[in-house]
Every structure is written in structure tokens, then in C-alpha cells.
Amino acid sequence: MVIEKEVVLPRKLTLVLPSIATFSSLICGVLAIMVLADNRFLLAALLIILGTILDVLDGQLAVRLNAISDIGKELDSLADVITFGVAPTMLIYHLLLLVGVDQRVAILTSLAFVVAGAYRLARFNTRPSDRGGYFKGLPIPMGSALLITASFWQHWVINIWWTVAVISVSYLLISPFPYPKSTRVLSLPPLFWGAMVVLAALCWLVAGWTAVPFSLFLLYALTGPFLLIFKSTYKRLRRAEQKI
């Protein structure tokens, strides 16, 4: 009879693993800013996307390894400001100039994103309501990923639409719209994931592979307003039924 032994990591290692992922995400953000000095926009964008993956990883590690700590939360927020606030802002600024947007407009538009992102992170840290199954406002990693994947899609490189897109995403960061956390998204039924595969395939056929990640992030960004409208409509209908 073979007895399987559960592998238990040393406590010190479990405590440090989430922080390693957080610091790695921070390093990706700093490197993205550095390579922008050489106009390496694609590499900067890929580093920010890698930082997004590491940001998700550090949260999952902290929960699964029971390694949640106050210093870990503070480190995560500081890393997020750099990787998903400052780095995307610099990238957005350079891309706005690249497509011909006036420099003053580019400065104000890109600054709107980092200011909204910083406020979004501060609100998350101070409001316990964000600890449930939904975020209040679009998470800043998703906001930066939406703009970055939009830059991959060449059909979107149109001057005025870039400024409108950045301002719109900046608003979504500080909006009251509810956005489902990754645990809720991953628990959705197989039918939903099948629909996502079909949607991705259609986007690929119609607009090319660069439209696929953009479409998926855009769909997530639109779920916030949709959920708020749905919940408000449901509550009104419930009140109307109770009055009858």
C-alpha cells in the first residue's frame, strides 16, 4: 500500500513567494519605462502584459498559500502604480504622439489615466466593499491591458479615437460599475467559455489575431455598465411587483 504524502512548503518560502511575484511585476513595469527611451513600444507593451500576469499570480499565491499580509498588500499597490499606472501612461503618451495627437493633448490625456489609476488603487485599499466577489471600478491592470491590446490592433490607430479611448478607460477606473473578480469569472459554466472561443474565432477571421485580446478585454470592460444597469432594472421591477 502506497501512502501519498502531501508536499508542504516551508512557511518562510510560502510567505516570500507572493512578494517575489509582486517584485517581478514591479521590475517589468520599470523595464517597460526604460525601453520606451529607445522607442521599443512593442517590448514595453509585452512587459506590461507580463506584469499583469504576475500581478494575478501574486494574488493567487497569497490566497492559496495563506500568505496574506499588510506589507504584501502595500507592496502590491506600490507595484501596481508603477506597472499599471506610470508605465502605461508613458506608453500611451508616446503612442498619442506617434499617431499625431498634439503634445499638450497627449500630456493631459495620458495624465488622466495615471491619476485615475492612483485614485482607483487608493479607493481599493480603503474600502472593504472591494473585498467581495466584485471590484468597484475597472481594475487598473485590466484598464492598462485594454489600452495596450487596442494599440496592437492597427485599425484603432486613429488620432481622435485614441484620446477618447484613454479618457473613457480612465473614467471606468473610478466609476461605480461592478466588475467580477477572477474567481467569479473562472467559475462560469463551460457554455460561457465555449461562447468566448467562438467570439475569439470570429474576431480573428474578421479583423485578424490582434483584435482577439482587445475584444476580450473590451468585453470585460463593458460588463461593468451592463451589470449596473441589470441590477438597477431588476431592483425596480422587484419594487414594482411588491407594490402590486
Protein backbone atom coordinates (compact mmCIF):
# COMPACT_ATOMS: atom_id res chain seq x y z
CA MET A 1 0.00 0.00 0.00
CA VAL A 2 1.47 3.33 -1.14
CA ILE A 3 0.77 6.33 1.07
CA GLU A 4 0.85 9.63 -0.78
CA LYS A 5 2.43 12.42 1.20
CA GLU A 6 1.22 15.95 0.78
CA VAL A 7 4.01 18.30 -0.20
CA VAL A 8 4.18 21.12 2.33
CA LEU A 9 6.36 24.11 1.55
CA PRO A 10 8.35 25.71 4.37
CA ARG A 11 6.45 28.59 5.96
CA LYS A 12 9.16 31.11 5.16
CA LEU A 13 9.01 30.14 1.48
CA THR A 14 5.22 30.43 1.33
CA LEU A 15 5.44 33.92 2.80
CA VAL A 16 8.02 35.13 0.31
CA LEU A 17 6.64 33.63 -2.92
CA PRO A 18 3.82 36.20 -3.40
CA SER A 19 6.30 39.03 -2.77
CA ILE A 20 8.66 37.59 -5.40
CA ALA A 21 5.81 37.72 -7.93
CA THR A 22 4.99 41.30 -6.84
CA PHE A 23 8.59 42.48 -7.20
CA SER A 24 8.81 40.75 -10.58
CA SER A 25 5.73 42.65 -11.71
CA LEU A 26 7.30 45.90 -10.47
CA ILE A 27 10.53 45.13 -12.36
CA CYS A 28 8.52 44.54 -15.55
CA GLY A 29 6.94 47.98 -15.18
CA VAL A 30 10.28 49.71 -14.62
CA LEU A 31 11.86 47.88 -17.57
CA ALA A 32 8.92 48.93 -19.75
CA ILE A 33 9.61 52.58 -18.90
CA MET A 34 13.32 52.10 -19.64
CA VAL A 35 12.85 50.55 -23.09
CA LEU A 36 10.45 53.33 -24.09
CA ALA A 37 13.51 55.62 -24.20
CA ASP A 38 14.57 53.64 -27.29
CA ASN A 39 11.03 53.73 -28.79
CA ARG A 40 10.64 49.97 -28.28
CA PHE A 41 6.87 50.17 -27.93
CA LEU A 42 6.09 46.50 -28.55
CA LEU A 43 8.60 45.31 -25.95
CA ALA A 44 7.25 47.84 -23.42
CA ALA A 45 3.70 46.62 -24.04
CA LEU A 46 4.72 42.96 -23.65
CA LEU A 47 6.50 43.76 -20.36
CA ILE A 48 3.35 45.41 -19.01
CA ILE A 49 1.27 42.41 -20.08
CA LEU A 50 3.78 40.11 -18.34
CA GLY A 51 3.44 42.31 -15.26
CA THR A 52 -0.34 41.78 -15.43
CA ILE A 53 0.12 38.00 -15.37
CA LEU A 54 2.49 38.26 -12.41
CA ASP A 55 0.03 40.54 -10.61
CA VAL A 56 -2.68 37.89 -10.91
CA LEU A 57 -0.17 35.25 -9.80
CA ASP A 58 0.86 37.08 -6.63
CA GLY A 59 -2.75 37.40 -5.52
CA GLN A 60 -3.47 33.74 -6.18
CA LEU A 61 -0.31 32.66 -4.35
CA ALA A 62 -1.15 34.83 -1.34
CA VAL A 63 -4.63 33.30 -1.06
CA ARG A 64 -3.70 29.69 -1.78
CA LEU A 65 -0.63 29.71 0.47
CA ASN A 66 -2.38 31.69 3.21
CA ALA A 67 0.35 34.31 2.95
CA ILE A 68 -1.76 37.48 3.00
CA SER A 69 -0.05 40.25 4.95
CA ASP A 70 -0.30 44.02 5.36
CA ILE A 71 3.14 44.59 3.87
CA GLY A 72 2.21 42.36 0.92
CA LYS A 73 -0.88 44.49 0.23
CA GLU A 74 1.16 47.69 0.36
CA LEU A 75 3.84 46.25 -1.93
CA ASP A 76 1.17 45.12 -4.38
CA SER A 77 -0.37 48.60 -4.55
CA LEU A 78 3.01 50.29 -5.00
CA ALA A 79 3.95 47.86 -7.76
CA ASP A 80 0.57 48.40 -9.44
CA VAL A 81 1.07 52.18 -9.50
CA ILE A 82 4.33 51.73 -11.42
CA THR A 83 3.48 48.78 -13.68
CA PHE A 84 -0.15 49.64 -14.48
CA GLY A 85 -0.14 53.39 -13.85
CA VAL A 86 3.17 55.05 -14.74
CA ALA A 87 4.42 52.58 -17.37
CA PRO A 88 1.16 52.51 -19.41
CA THR A 89 0.92 56.30 -19.08
CA MET A 90 4.36 56.70 -20.65
CA LEU A 91 3.44 54.21 -23.38
CA ILE A 92 0.12 55.98 -24.04
CA TYR A 93 1.89 59.33 -24.24
CA HIS A 94 4.38 58.07 -26.83
CA LEU A 95 1.65 56.36 -28.87
CA LEU A 96 -0.50 59.51 -28.88
CA LEU A 97 2.44 61.49 -30.22
CA LEU A 98 3.13 58.73 -32.74
CA VAL A 99 -0.35 58.98 -34.28
CA GLY A 100 -0.17 62.77 -34.49
CA VAL A 101 -2.01 63.98 -31.39
CA ASP A 102 -1.00 67.45 -30.20
CA GLN A 103 1.59 67.22 -27.40
CA ARG A 104 -0.48 69.21 -24.90
CA VAL A 105 -3.50 67.00 -25.53
CA ALA A 106 -1.30 63.90 -25.25
CA ILE A 107 0.07 65.05 -21.89
CA LEU A 108 -3.33 65.81 -20.39
CA THR A 109 -4.90 62.62 -21.76
CA SER A 110 -2.16 60.31 -20.51
CA LEU A 111 -2.04 62.06 -17.11
CA ALA A 112 -5.78 61.44 -16.74
CA PHE A 113 -5.10 57.72 -16.83
CA VAL A 114 -2.38 57.66 -14.15
CA VAL A 115 -4.35 59.98 -11.83
CA ALA A 116 -7.48 57.85 -12.18
CA GLY A 117 -5.43 54.69 -11.66
CA ALA A 118 -3.80 56.01 -8.48
CA TYR A 119 -7.20 57.01 -7.10
CA ARG A 120 -8.60 53.59 -8.04
CA LEU A 121 -5.85 51.82 -6.08
CA ALA A 122 -6.25 54.10 -3.05
CA ARG A 123 -10.01 53.50 -3.03
CA PHE A 124 -9.50 49.75 -3.24
CA ASN A 125 -7.19 49.79 -0.21
CA THR A 126 -9.60 51.81 1.92
CA ARG A 127 -12.96 50.27 1.02
CA PRO A 128 -13.84 46.82 2.38
CA SER A 129 -16.61 46.57 -0.25
CA ASP A 130 -13.96 45.66 -2.82
CA ARG A 131 -13.14 42.52 -0.85
CA GLY A 132 -16.27 40.70 -2.06
CA GLY A 133 -16.89 38.99 -5.38
CA TYR A 134 -16.81 42.23 -7.36
CA PHE A 135 -14.47 45.18 -7.80
CA LYS A 136 -15.83 48.70 -7.75
CA GLY A 137 -14.50 50.25 -10.92
CA LEU A 138 -12.40 48.64 -13.62
CA PRO A 139 -9.20 47.13 -12.13
CA ILE A 140 -6.17 49.10 -13.26
CA PRO A 141 -4.36 46.03 -14.73
CA MET A 142 -7.40 45.42 -16.95
CA GLY A 143 -7.54 49.09 -17.93
CA SER A 144 -3.91 49.15 -18.99
CA ALA A 145 -4.27 45.81 -20.79
CA LEU A 146 -7.30 47.13 -22.70
CA LEU A 147 -5.37 50.15 -23.97
CA ILE A 148 -2.29 48.09 -24.80
CA THR A 149 -4.21 45.46 -26.76
CA ALA A 150 -6.00 48.31 -28.52
CA SER A 151 -2.62 49.58 -29.68
CA PHE A 152 -1.88 46.14 -31.12
CA TRP A 153 -4.98 46.37 -33.27
CA GLN A 154 -3.86 48.61 -36.15
CA HIS A 155 -7.42 49.57 -37.08
CA TRP A 156 -7.55 51.51 -33.83
CA VAL A 157 -4.62 53.81 -34.54
CA ILE A 158 -6.81 56.84 -35.28
CA ASN A 159 -5.89 60.13 -33.65
CA ILE A 160 -9.09 61.36 -32.04
CA TRP A 161 -10.29 57.88 -31.02
CA TRP A 162 -7.15 57.29 -29.01
CA THR A 163 -7.82 60.31 -26.78
CA VAL A 164 -11.47 59.33 -26.40
CA ALA A 165 -10.50 55.75 -25.55
CA VAL A 166 -7.96 56.78 -22.90
CA ILE A 167 -10.40 59.21 -21.23
CA SER A 168 -13.16 56.57 -21.30
CA VAL A 169 -10.96 53.91 -19.72
CA SER A 170 -9.77 56.43 -17.12
CA TYR A 171 -13.39 57.04 -16.15
CA LEU A 172 -14.10 53.31 -15.91
CA LEU A 173 -11.27 53.01 -13.35
CA ILE A 174 -13.01 55.38 -10.92
CA SER A 175 -16.58 54.51 -11.90
CA PRO A 176 -19.11 52.81 -9.59
CA PHE A 177 -19.53 49.93 -12.05
CA PRO A 178 -19.16 46.41 -10.58
CA TYR A 179 -16.58 44.14 -12.20
CA PRO A 180 -16.38 40.41 -11.37
CA LYS A 181 -13.17 39.11 -9.84
CA SER A 182 -11.16 36.34 -11.46
CA THR A 183 -12.64 33.71 -9.12
CA ARG A 184 -16.16 34.52 -10.37
CA VAL A 185 -15.07 34.57 -14.00
CA LEU A 186 -13.27 31.24 -13.73
CA SER A 187 -16.32 29.64 -12.10
CA LEU A 188 -18.57 30.45 -15.08
CA PRO A 189 -20.10 27.40 -16.85
CA PRO A 190 -18.48 25.71 -19.88
CA LEU A 191 -21.15 27.25 -22.15
CA PHE A 192 -19.72 30.70 -21.43
CA TRP A 193 -16.18 29.62 -22.30
CA GLY A 194 -17.44 27.99 -25.47
CA ALA A 195 -19.04 31.31 -26.45
CA MET A 196 -15.73 33.09 -25.74
CA VAL A 197 -13.91 30.68 -28.07
CA VAL A 198 -16.47 31.35 -30.82
CA LEU A 199 -16.17 35.12 -30.27
CA ALA A 200 -12.36 34.93 -30.43
CA ALA A 201 -12.52 32.91 -33.64
CA LEU A 202 -14.92 35.39 -35.26
CA CYS A 203 -12.73 38.34 -34.27
CA TRP A 204 -9.69 36.58 -35.71
CA LEU A 205 -11.47 35.88 -39.02
CA VAL A 206 -12.94 39.38 -39.37
CA ALA A 207 -10.17 41.64 -38.05
CA GLY A 208 -7.06 39.49 -37.52
CA TRP A 209 -5.49 37.96 -34.42
CA THR A 210 -4.64 41.37 -32.91
CA ALA A 211 -8.36 42.01 -32.45
CA VAL A 212 -8.79 38.91 -30.26
CA PRO A 213 -7.19 40.09 -26.98
CA PHE A 214 -8.61 43.59 -27.50
CA SER A 215 -12.13 42.22 -27.98
CA LEU A 216 -11.92 40.07 -24.84
CA PHE A 217 -10.66 42.93 -22.65
CA LEU A 218 -13.26 45.26 -24.18
CA LEU A 219 -15.98 42.73 -23.34
CA TYR A 220 -14.82 42.67 -19.72
CA ALA A 221 -14.78 46.48 -19.62
CA LEU A 222 -18.38 46.56 -20.85
CA THR A 223 -19.60 44.09 -18.21
CA GLY A 224 -19.41 46.81 -15.54
CA PRO A 225 -22.01 49.17 -17.05
CA PHE A 226 -24.13 46.18 -18.12
CA LEU A 227 -24.18 44.69 -14.60
CA LEU A 228 -25.07 48.04 -13.03
CA ILE A 229 -27.95 48.58 -15.47
CA PHE A 230 -29.12 44.99 -14.99
CA LYS A 231 -29.08 45.24 -11.19
CA SER A 232 -30.85 48.62 -11.22
CA THR A 233 -33.53 47.34 -13.59
CA TYR A 234 -34.02 44.19 -11.51
CA LYS A 235 -34.45 46.21 -8.32
CA ARG A 236 -37.02 48.49 -9.96
CA LEU A 237 -39.00 45.50 -11.22
CA ARG A 238 -38.92 43.93 -7.75
CA ARG A 239 -40.22 47.13 -6.17
CA ALA A 240 -42.97 47.35 -8.79
CA GLU A 241 -44.04 43.75 -8.07
CA GLN A 242 -44.18 44.41 -4.34
CA LYS A 243 -46.48 47.42 -4.86
CA ILE A 244 -48.95 45.36 -6.90
